[in-house]
Amino acid sequence: DLLVDDLASVSPLTRVLDVACGDGYLLERLAARFPAAHLAGIDASTEELALARGRFGVSKVQVVEGRVRRRAV
């Protein structure tokens, strides 16, 4: 909740990518606080993403399975 409160000071909050979103708890809190924002999460765990999808059902929050890696320049 402290992180969500801190993000509330960012104006305007329109897009958020939650890396390693797990079961989607943070995305759920953000969706409640910022209903107009486009929210997405990525996680490597199929099981955690299943829990995240259960939180949102069919909604604007997108969660995908994958890994985020640093790309060499």
PDB file of N, CA and C in Angstrom:
ATOM      1  N   ASP A   1       0.815  -1.199   0.000  1.00  0.00           N
ATOM      2  CA  ASP A   1       0.000   0.000   0.000  1.00  0.00           C
ATOM      3  C   ASP A   1       0.862   1.269   0.000  1.00  0.00           C
ATOM      4  N   LEU A   2       2.039   1.204   0.639  1.00  0.00           N
ATOM      5  CA  LEU A   2       2.934   2.365   0.633  1.00  0.00           C
ATOM      6  C   LEU A   2       3.422   2.677  -0.780  1.00  0.00           C
ATOM      7  N   LEU A   3       3.735   1.644  -1.549  1.00  0.00           N
ATOM      8  CA  LEU A   3       4.162   1.858  -2.928  1.00  0.00           C
ATOM      9  C   LEU A   3       3.041   2.471  -3.757  1.00  0.00           C
ATOM     10  N   VAL A   4       1.831   2.001  -3.572  1.00  0.00           N
ATOM     11  CA  VAL A   4       0.679   2.555  -4.295  1.00  0.00           C
ATOM     12  C   VAL A   4       0.488   4.013  -3.917  1.00  0.00           C
ATOM     13  N   ASP A   5       0.645   4.326  -2.646  1.00  0.00           N
ATOM     14  CA  ASP A   5       0.540   5.720  -2.206  1.00  0.00           C
ATOM     15  C   ASP A   5       1.626   6.580  -2.848  1.00  0.00           C
ATOM     16  N   ASP A   6       2.856   6.051  -2.924  1.00  0.00           N
ATOM     17  CA  ASP A   6       3.943   6.799  -3.570  1.00  0.00           C
ATOM     18  C   ASP A   6       3.641   7.035  -5.040  1.00  0.00           C
ATOM     19  N   LEU A   7       3.118   6.032  -5.715  1.00  0.00           N
ATOM     20  CA  LEU A   7       2.795   6.186  -7.132  1.00  0.00           C
ATOM     21  C   LEU A   7       1.681   7.195  -7.349  1.00  0.00           C
ATOM     22  N   ALA A   8       0.851   7.401  -6.347  1.00  0.00           N
ATOM     23  CA  ALA A   8      -0.236   8.369  -6.462  1.00  0.00           C
ATOM     24  C   ALA A   8       0.312   9.784  -6.650  1.00  0.00           C
ATOM     25  N   SER A   9       1.557  10.005  -6.242  1.00  0.00           N
ATOM     26  CA  SER A   9       2.151  11.326  -6.406  1.00  0.00           C
ATOM     27  C   SER A   9       2.653  11.557  -7.835  1.00  0.00           C
ATOM     28  N   VAL A  10       2.721  10.499  -8.641  1.00  0.00           N
ATOM     29  CA  VAL A  10       3.133  10.616 -10.038  1.00  0.00           C
ATOM     30  C   VAL A  10       1.921  11.052 -10.847  1.00  0.00           C
ATOM     31  N   SER A  11       2.079  12.106 -11.589  1.00  0.00           N
ATOM     32  CA  SER A  11       0.919  12.625 -12.310  1.00  0.00           C
ATOM     33  C   SER A  11       1.254  12.791 -13.772  1.00  0.00           C
ATOM     34  N   PRO A  12       0.476  12.309 -14.659  1.00  0.00           N
ATOM     35  CA  PRO A  12      -0.563  11.298 -14.467  1.00  0.00           C
ATOM     36  C   PRO A  12       0.025   9.892 -14.599  1.00  0.00           C
ATOM     37  N   LEU A  13      -0.531   8.970 -13.883  1.00  0.00           N
ATOM     38  CA  LEU A  13      -0.120   7.571 -13.972  1.00  0.00           C
ATOM     39  C   LEU A  13      -0.987   6.915 -15.033  1.00  0.00           C
ATOM     40  N   THR A  14      -0.402   6.615 -16.185  1.00  0.00           N
ATOM     41  CA  THR A  14      -1.194   6.064 -17.285  1.00  0.00           C
ATOM     42  C   THR A  14      -0.820   4.633 -17.641  1.00  0.00           C
ATOM     43  N   ARG A  15       0.426   4.238 -17.406  1.00  0.00           N
ATOM     44  CA  ARG A  15       0.875   2.882 -17.735  1.00  0.00           C
ATOM     45  C   ARG A  15       1.812   2.361 -16.652  1.00  0.00           C
ATOM     46  N   VAL A  16       1.609   1.085 -16.301  1.00  0.00           N
ATOM     47  CA  VAL A  16       2.476   0.439 -15.320  1.00  0.00           C
ATOM     48  C   VAL A  16       2.774  -0.972 -15.800  1.00  0.00           C
ATOM     49  N   LEU A  17       4.059  -1.342 -15.764  1.00  0.00           N
ATOM     50  CA  LEU A  17       4.476  -2.719 -16.012  1.00  0.00           C
ATOM     51  C   LEU A  17       5.058  -3.249 -14.711  1.00  0.00           C
ATOM     52  N   ASP A  18       4.439  -4.279 -14.176  1.00  0.00           N
ATOM     53  CA  ASP A  18       4.907  -4.917 -12.950  1.00  0.00           C
ATOM     54  C   ASP A  18       5.752  -6.123 -13.352  1.00  0.00           C
ATOM     55  N   VAL A  19       7.072  -6.001 -13.192  1.00  0.00           N
ATOM     56  CA  VAL A  19       7.992  -7.084 -13.523  1.00  0.00           C
ATOM     57  C   VAL A  19       8.059  -8.028 -12.338  1.00  0.00           C
ATOM     58  N   ALA A  20       7.921  -9.326 -12.602  1.00  0.00           N
ATOM     59  CA  ALA A  20       7.837 -10.352 -11.560  1.00  0.00           C
ATOM     60  C   ALA A  20       6.576 -10.110 -10.722  1.00  0.00           C
ATOM     61  N   CYS A  21       5.450 -10.015 -11.412  1.00  0.00           N
ATOM     62  CA  CYS A  21       4.180  -9.634 -10.774  1.00  0.00           C
ATOM     63  C   CYS A  21       3.607 -10.711  -9.853  1.00  0.00           C
ATOM     64  N   GLY A  22       4.115 -11.925  -9.941  1.00  0.00           N
ATOM     65  CA  GLY A  22       3.636 -12.977  -9.048  1.00  0.00           C
ATOM     66  C   GLY A  22       2.142 -13.181  -9.155  1.00  0.00           C
ATOM     67  N   ASP A  23       1.482 -13.209  -8.022  1.00  0.00           N
ATOM     68  CA  ASP A  23       0.041 -13.485  -8.005  1.00  0.00           C
ATOM     69  C   ASP A  23      -0.821 -12.264  -8.300  1.00  0.00           C
ATOM     70  N   GLY A  24      -0.196 -11.142  -8.635  1.00  0.00           N
ATOM     71  CA  GLY A  24      -0.947  -9.967  -9.068  1.00  0.00           C
ATOM     72  C   GLY A  24      -1.453  -9.055  -7.973  1.00  0.00           C
ATOM     73  N   TYR A  25      -0.978  -9.245  -6.752  1.00  0.00           N
ATOM     74  CA  TYR A  25      -1.485  -8.431  -5.646  1.00  0.00           C
ATOM     75  C   TYR A  25      -1.264  -6.936  -5.893  1.00  0.00           C
ATOM     76  N   LEU A  26      -0.045  -6.569  -6.282  1.00  0.00           N
ATOM     77  CA  LEU A  26       0.233  -5.152  -6.512  1.00  0.00           C
ATOM     78  C   LEU A  26      -0.620  -4.609  -7.659  1.00  0.00           C
ATOM     79  N   LEU A  27      -0.763  -5.367  -8.721  1.00  0.00           N
ATOM     80  CA  LEU A  27      -1.605  -4.925  -9.840  1.00  0.00           C
ATOM     81  C   LEU A  27      -3.050  -4.727  -9.403  1.00  0.00           C
ATOM     82  N   GLU A  28      -3.518  -5.590  -8.527  1.00  0.00           N
ATOM     83  CA  GLU A  28      -4.883  -5.446  -8.004  1.00  0.00           C
ATOM     84  C   GLU A  28      -5.036  -4.134  -7.234  1.00  0.00           C
ATOM     85  N   ARG A  29      -4.047  -3.822  -6.402  1.00  0.00           N
ATOM     86  CA  ARG A  29      -4.096  -2.573  -5.621  1.00  0.00           C
ATOM     87  C   ARG A  29      -4.023  -1.367  -6.546  1.00  0.00           C
ATOM     88  N   LEU A  30      -3.159  -1.446  -7.566  1.00  0.00           N
ATOM     89  CA  LEU A  30      -3.039  -0.344  -8.521  1.00  0.00           C
ATOM     90  C   LEU A  30      -4.320  -0.157  -9.320  1.00  0.00           C
ATOM     91  N   ALA A  31      -4.951  -1.240  -9.732  1.00  0.00           N
ATOM     92  CA  ALA A  31      -6.203  -1.160 -10.496  1.00  0.00           C
ATOM     93  C   ALA A  31      -7.294  -0.477  -9.682  1.00  0.00           C
ATOM     94  N   ALA A  32      -7.316  -0.748  -8.386  1.00  0.00           N
ATOM     95  CA  ALA A  32      -8.321  -0.121  -7.526  1.00  0.00           C
ATOM     96  C   ALA A  32      -8.054   1.376  -7.372  1.00  0.00           C
ATOM     97  N   ARG A  33      -6.789   1.756  -7.306  1.00  0.00           N
ATOM     98  CA  ARG A  33      -6.424   3.149  -7.057  1.00  0.00           C
ATOM     99  C   ARG A  33      -6.396   3.990  -8.335  1.00  0.00           C
ATOM    100  N   PHE A  34      -6.038   3.350  -9.463  1.00  0.00           N
ATOM    101  CA  PHE A  34      -5.884   4.060 -10.732  1.00  0.00           C
ATOM    102  C   PHE A  34      -6.715   3.377 -11.821  1.00  0.00           C
ATOM    103  N   PRO A  35      -8.016   3.520 -11.782  1.00  0.00           N
ATOM    104  CA  PRO A  35      -8.873   2.779 -12.711  1.00  0.00           C
ATOM    105  C   PRO A  35      -8.664   3.123 -14.181  1.00  0.00           C
ATOM    106  N   ALA A  36      -8.102   4.273 -14.493  1.00  0.00           N
ATOM    107  CA  ALA A  36      -7.897   4.646 -15.895  1.00  0.00           C
ATOM    108  C   ALA A  36      -6.544   4.195 -16.438  1.00  0.00           C
ATOM    109  N   ALA A  37      -5.661   3.716 -15.586  1.00  0.00           N
ATOM    110  CA  ALA A  37      -4.320   3.328 -16.025  1.00  0.00           C
ATOM    111  C   ALA A  37      -4.331   1.987 -16.744  1.00  0.00           C
ATOM    112  N   HIS A  38      -3.430   1.847 -17.708  1.00  0.00           N
ATOM    113  CA  HIS A  38      -3.221   0.570 -18.392  1.00  0.00           C
ATOM    114  C   HIS A  38      -2.196  -0.206 -17.572  1.00  0.00           C
ATOM    115  N   LEU A  39      -2.577  -1.373 -17.075  1.00  0.00           N
ATOM    116  CA  LEU A  39      -1.713  -2.150 -16.192  1.00  0.00           C
ATOM    117  C   LEU A  39      -1.358  -3.479 -16.832  1.00  0.00           C
ATOM    118  N   ALA A  40      -0.092  -3.868 -16.699  1.00  0.00           N
ATOM    119  CA  ALA A  40       0.372  -5.141 -17.231  1.00  0.00           C
ATOM    120  C   ALA A  40       1.391  -5.735 -16.270  1.00  0.00           C
ATOM    121  N   GLY A  41       1.433  -7.060 -16.246  1.00  0.00           N
ATOM    122  CA  GLY A  41       2.407  -7.747 -15.422  1.00  0.00           C
ATOM    123  C   GLY A  41       3.046  -8.878 -16.195  1.00  0.00           C
ATOM    124  N   ILE A  42       4.269  -9.197 -15.824  1.00  0.00           N
ATOM    125  CA  ILE A  42       4.988 -10.309 -16.427  1.00  0.00           C
ATOM    126  C   ILE A  42       5.633 -11.116 -15.312  1.00  0.00           C
ATOM    127  N   ASP A  43       5.580 -12.443 -15.461  1.00  0.00           N
ATOM    128  CA  ASP A  43       6.171 -13.322 -14.467  1.00  0.00           C
ATOM    129  C   ASP A  43       6.546 -14.633 -15.147  1.00  0.00           C
ATOM    130  N   ALA A  44       7.555 -15.315 -14.620  1.00  0.00           N
ATOM    131  CA  ALA A  44       8.009 -16.574 -15.192  1.00  0.00           C
ATOM    132  C   ALA A  44       7.228 -17.773 -14.664  1.00  0.00           C
ATOM    133  N   SER A  45       6.433 -17.596 -13.638  1.00  0.00           N
ATOM    134  CA  SER A  45       5.739 -18.707 -12.994  1.00  0.00           C
ATOM    135  C   SER A  45       4.306 -18.871 -13.513  1.00  0.00           C
ATOM    136  N   THR A  46       4.059 -19.994 -14.133  1.00  0.00           N
ATOM    137  CA  THR A  46       2.715 -20.309 -14.623  1.00  0.00           C
ATOM    138  C   THR A  46       1.709 -20.335 -13.474  1.00  0.00           C
ATOM    139  N   GLU A  47       2.130 -20.902 -12.355  1.00  0.00           N
ATOM    140  CA  GLU A  47       1.230 -21.026 -11.203  1.00  0.00           C
ATOM    141  C   GLU A  47       0.859 -19.656 -10.627  1.00  0.00           C
ATOM    142  N   GLU A  48       1.848 -18.785 -10.491  1.00  0.00           N
ATOM    143  CA  GLU A  48       1.571 -17.448  -9.963  1.00  0.00           C
ATOM    144  C   GLU A  48       0.663 -16.666 -10.912  1.00  0.00           C
ATOM    145  N   LEU A  49       0.903 -16.798 -12.209  1.00  0.00           N
ATOM    146  CA  LEU A  49       0.068 -16.086 -13.178  1.00  0.00           C
ATOM    147  C   LEU A  49      -1.362 -16.591 -13.168  1.00  0.00           C
ATOM    148  N   ALA A  50      -1.545 -17.866 -12.906  1.00  0.00           N
ATOM    149  CA  ALA A  50      -2.908 -18.397 -12.787  1.00  0.00           C
ATOM    150  C   ALA A  50      -3.629 -17.722 -11.626  1.00  0.00           C
ATOM    151  N   LEU A  51      -2.920 -17.501 -10.531  1.00  0.00           N
ATOM    152  CA  LEU A  51      -3.514 -16.783  -9.397  1.00  0.00           C
ATOM    153  C   LEU A  51      -3.822 -15.337  -9.769  1.00  0.00           C
ATOM    154  N   ALA A  52      -2.896 -14.706 -10.493  1.00  0.00           N
ATOM    155  CA  ALA A  52      -3.109 -13.318 -10.915  1.00  0.00           C
ATOM    156  C   ALA A  52      -4.332 -13.224 -11.826  1.00  0.00           C
ATOM    157  N   ARG A  53      -4.443 -14.116 -12.769  1.00  0.00           N
ATOM    158  CA  ARG A  53      -5.602 -14.091 -13.682  1.00  0.00           C
ATOM    159  C   ARG A  53      -6.899 -14.296 -12.917  1.00  0.00           C
ATOM    160  N   GLY A  54      -6.854 -15.087 -11.866  1.00  0.00           N
ATOM    161  CA  GLY A  54      -8.034 -15.294 -11.032  1.00  0.00           C
ATOM    162  C   GLY A  54      -8.456 -14.031 -10.299  1.00  0.00           C
ATOM    163  N   ARG A  55      -7.527 -13.153 -10.028  1.00  0.00           N
ATOM    164  CA  ARG A  55      -7.856 -11.883  -9.364  1.00  0.00           C
ATOM    165  C   ARG A  55      -8.638 -10.961 -10.291  1.00  0.00           C
ATOM    166  N   PHE A  56      -8.307 -10.999 -11.565  1.00  0.00           N
ATOM    167  CA  PHE A  56      -8.841 -10.013 -12.491  1.00  0.00           C
ATOM    168  C   PHE A  56      -9.929 -10.539 -13.404  1.00  0.00           C
ATOM    169  N   GLY A  57      -9.985 -11.849 -13.612  1.00  0.00           N
ATOM    170  CA  GLY A  57     -10.960 -12.383 -14.560  1.00  0.00           C
ATOM    171  C   GLY A  57     -10.746 -11.743 -15.917  1.00  0.00           C
ATOM    172  N   VAL A  58     -11.802 -11.244 -16.488  1.00  0.00           N
ATOM    173  CA  VAL A  58     -11.693 -10.560 -17.772  1.00  0.00           C
ATOM    174  C   VAL A  58     -11.695  -9.069 -17.481  1.00  0.00           C
ATOM    175  N   SER A  59     -10.522  -8.492 -17.464  1.00  0.00           N
ATOM    176  CA  SER A  59     -10.425  -7.059 -17.189  1.00  0.00           C
ATOM    177  C   SER A  59      -9.320  -6.457 -18.031  1.00  0.00           C
ATOM    178  N   LYS A  60      -9.062  -5.207 -17.807  1.00  0.00           N
ATOM    179  CA  LYS A  60      -8.049  -4.509 -18.589  1.00  0.00           C
ATOM    180  C   LYS A  60      -6.630  -4.812 -18.124  1.00  0.00           C
ATOM    181  N   VAL A  61      -6.455  -5.499 -17.014  1.00  0.00           N
ATOM    182  CA  VAL A  61      -5.126  -5.852 -16.528  1.00  0.00           C
ATOM    183  C   VAL A  61      -4.630  -7.059 -17.315  1.00  0.00           C
ATOM    184  N   GLN A  62      -3.482  -6.903 -17.946  1.00  0.00           N
ATOM    185  CA  GLN A  62      -2.907  -7.990 -18.732  1.00  0.00           C
ATOM    186  C   GLN A  62      -1.742  -8.607 -17.983  1.00  0.00           C
ATOM    187  N   VAL A  63      -1.710  -9.926 -17.930  1.00  0.00           N
ATOM    188  CA  VAL A  63      -0.572 -10.619 -17.343  1.00  0.00           C
ATOM    189  C   VAL A  63      -0.088 -11.661 -18.344  1.00  0.00           C
ATOM    190  N   VAL A  64       1.223 -11.731 -18.500  1.00  0.00           N
ATOM    191  CA  VAL A  64       1.815 -12.656 -19.456  1.00  0.00           C
ATOM    192  C   VAL A  64       2.970 -13.410 -18.816  1.00  0.00           C
ATOM    193  N   GLU A  65       3.195 -14.609 -19.328  1.00  0.00           N
ATOM    194  CA  GLU A  65       4.307 -15.414 -18.859  1.00  0.00           C
ATOM    195  C   GLU A  65       5.555 -15.056 -19.652  1.00  0.00           C
ATOM    196  N   GLY A  66       6.635 -14.848 -18.954  1.00  0.00           N
ATOM    197  CA  GLY A  66       7.887 -14.542 -19.619  1.00  0.00           C
ATOM    198  C   GLY A  66       8.946 -14.101 -18.633  1.00  0.00           C
ATOM    199  N   ARG A  67      10.113 -13.859 -19.185  1.00  0.00           N
ATOM    200  CA  ARG A  67      11.244 -13.378 -18.396  1.00  0.00           C
ATOM    201  C   ARG A  67      11.714 -12.052 -18.976  1.00  0.00           C
ATOM    202  N   VAL A  68      12.129 -11.172 -18.116  1.00  0.00           N
ATOM    203  CA  VAL A  68      12.675  -9.903 -18.557  1.00  0.00           C
ATOM    204  C   VAL A  68      14.180 -10.014 -18.424  1.00  0.00           C
ATOM    205  N   ARG A  69      14.862  -9.737 -19.519  1.00  0.00           N
ATOM    206  CA  ARG A  69      16.318  -9.823 -19.521  1.00  0.00           C
ATOM    207  C   ARG A  69      16.909  -8.524 -20.015  1.00  0.00           C
ATOM    208  N   ARG A  70      18.060  -8.217 -19.507  1.00  0.00           N
ATOM    209  CA  ARG A  70      18.776  -7.036 -19.957  1.00  0.00           C
ATOM    210  C   ARG A  70      19.397  -7.349 -21.309  1.00  0.00           C
ATOM    211  N   ARG A  71      19.207  -6.464 -22.225  1.00  0.00           N
ATOM    212  CA  ARG A  71      19.742  -6.644 -23.572  1.00  0.00           C
ATOM    213  C   ARG A  71      21.062  -5.895 -23.682  1.00  0.00           C
ATOM    214  N   ALA A  72      22.084  -6.588 -24.173  1.00  0.00           N
ATOM    215  CA  ALA A  72      23.392  -5.956 -24.338  1.00  0.00           C
ATOM    216  C   ALA A  72      23.303  -4.899 -25.433  1.00  0.00           C
ATOM    217  N   VAL A  73      23.954  -3.793 -25.204  1.00  0.00           N
ATOM    218  CA  VAL A  73      23.916  -2.705 -26.180  1.00  0.00           C
ATOM    219  C   VAL A  73      25.150  -2.762 -27.065  1.00  0.00           C
TER     220      VAL A  73
END
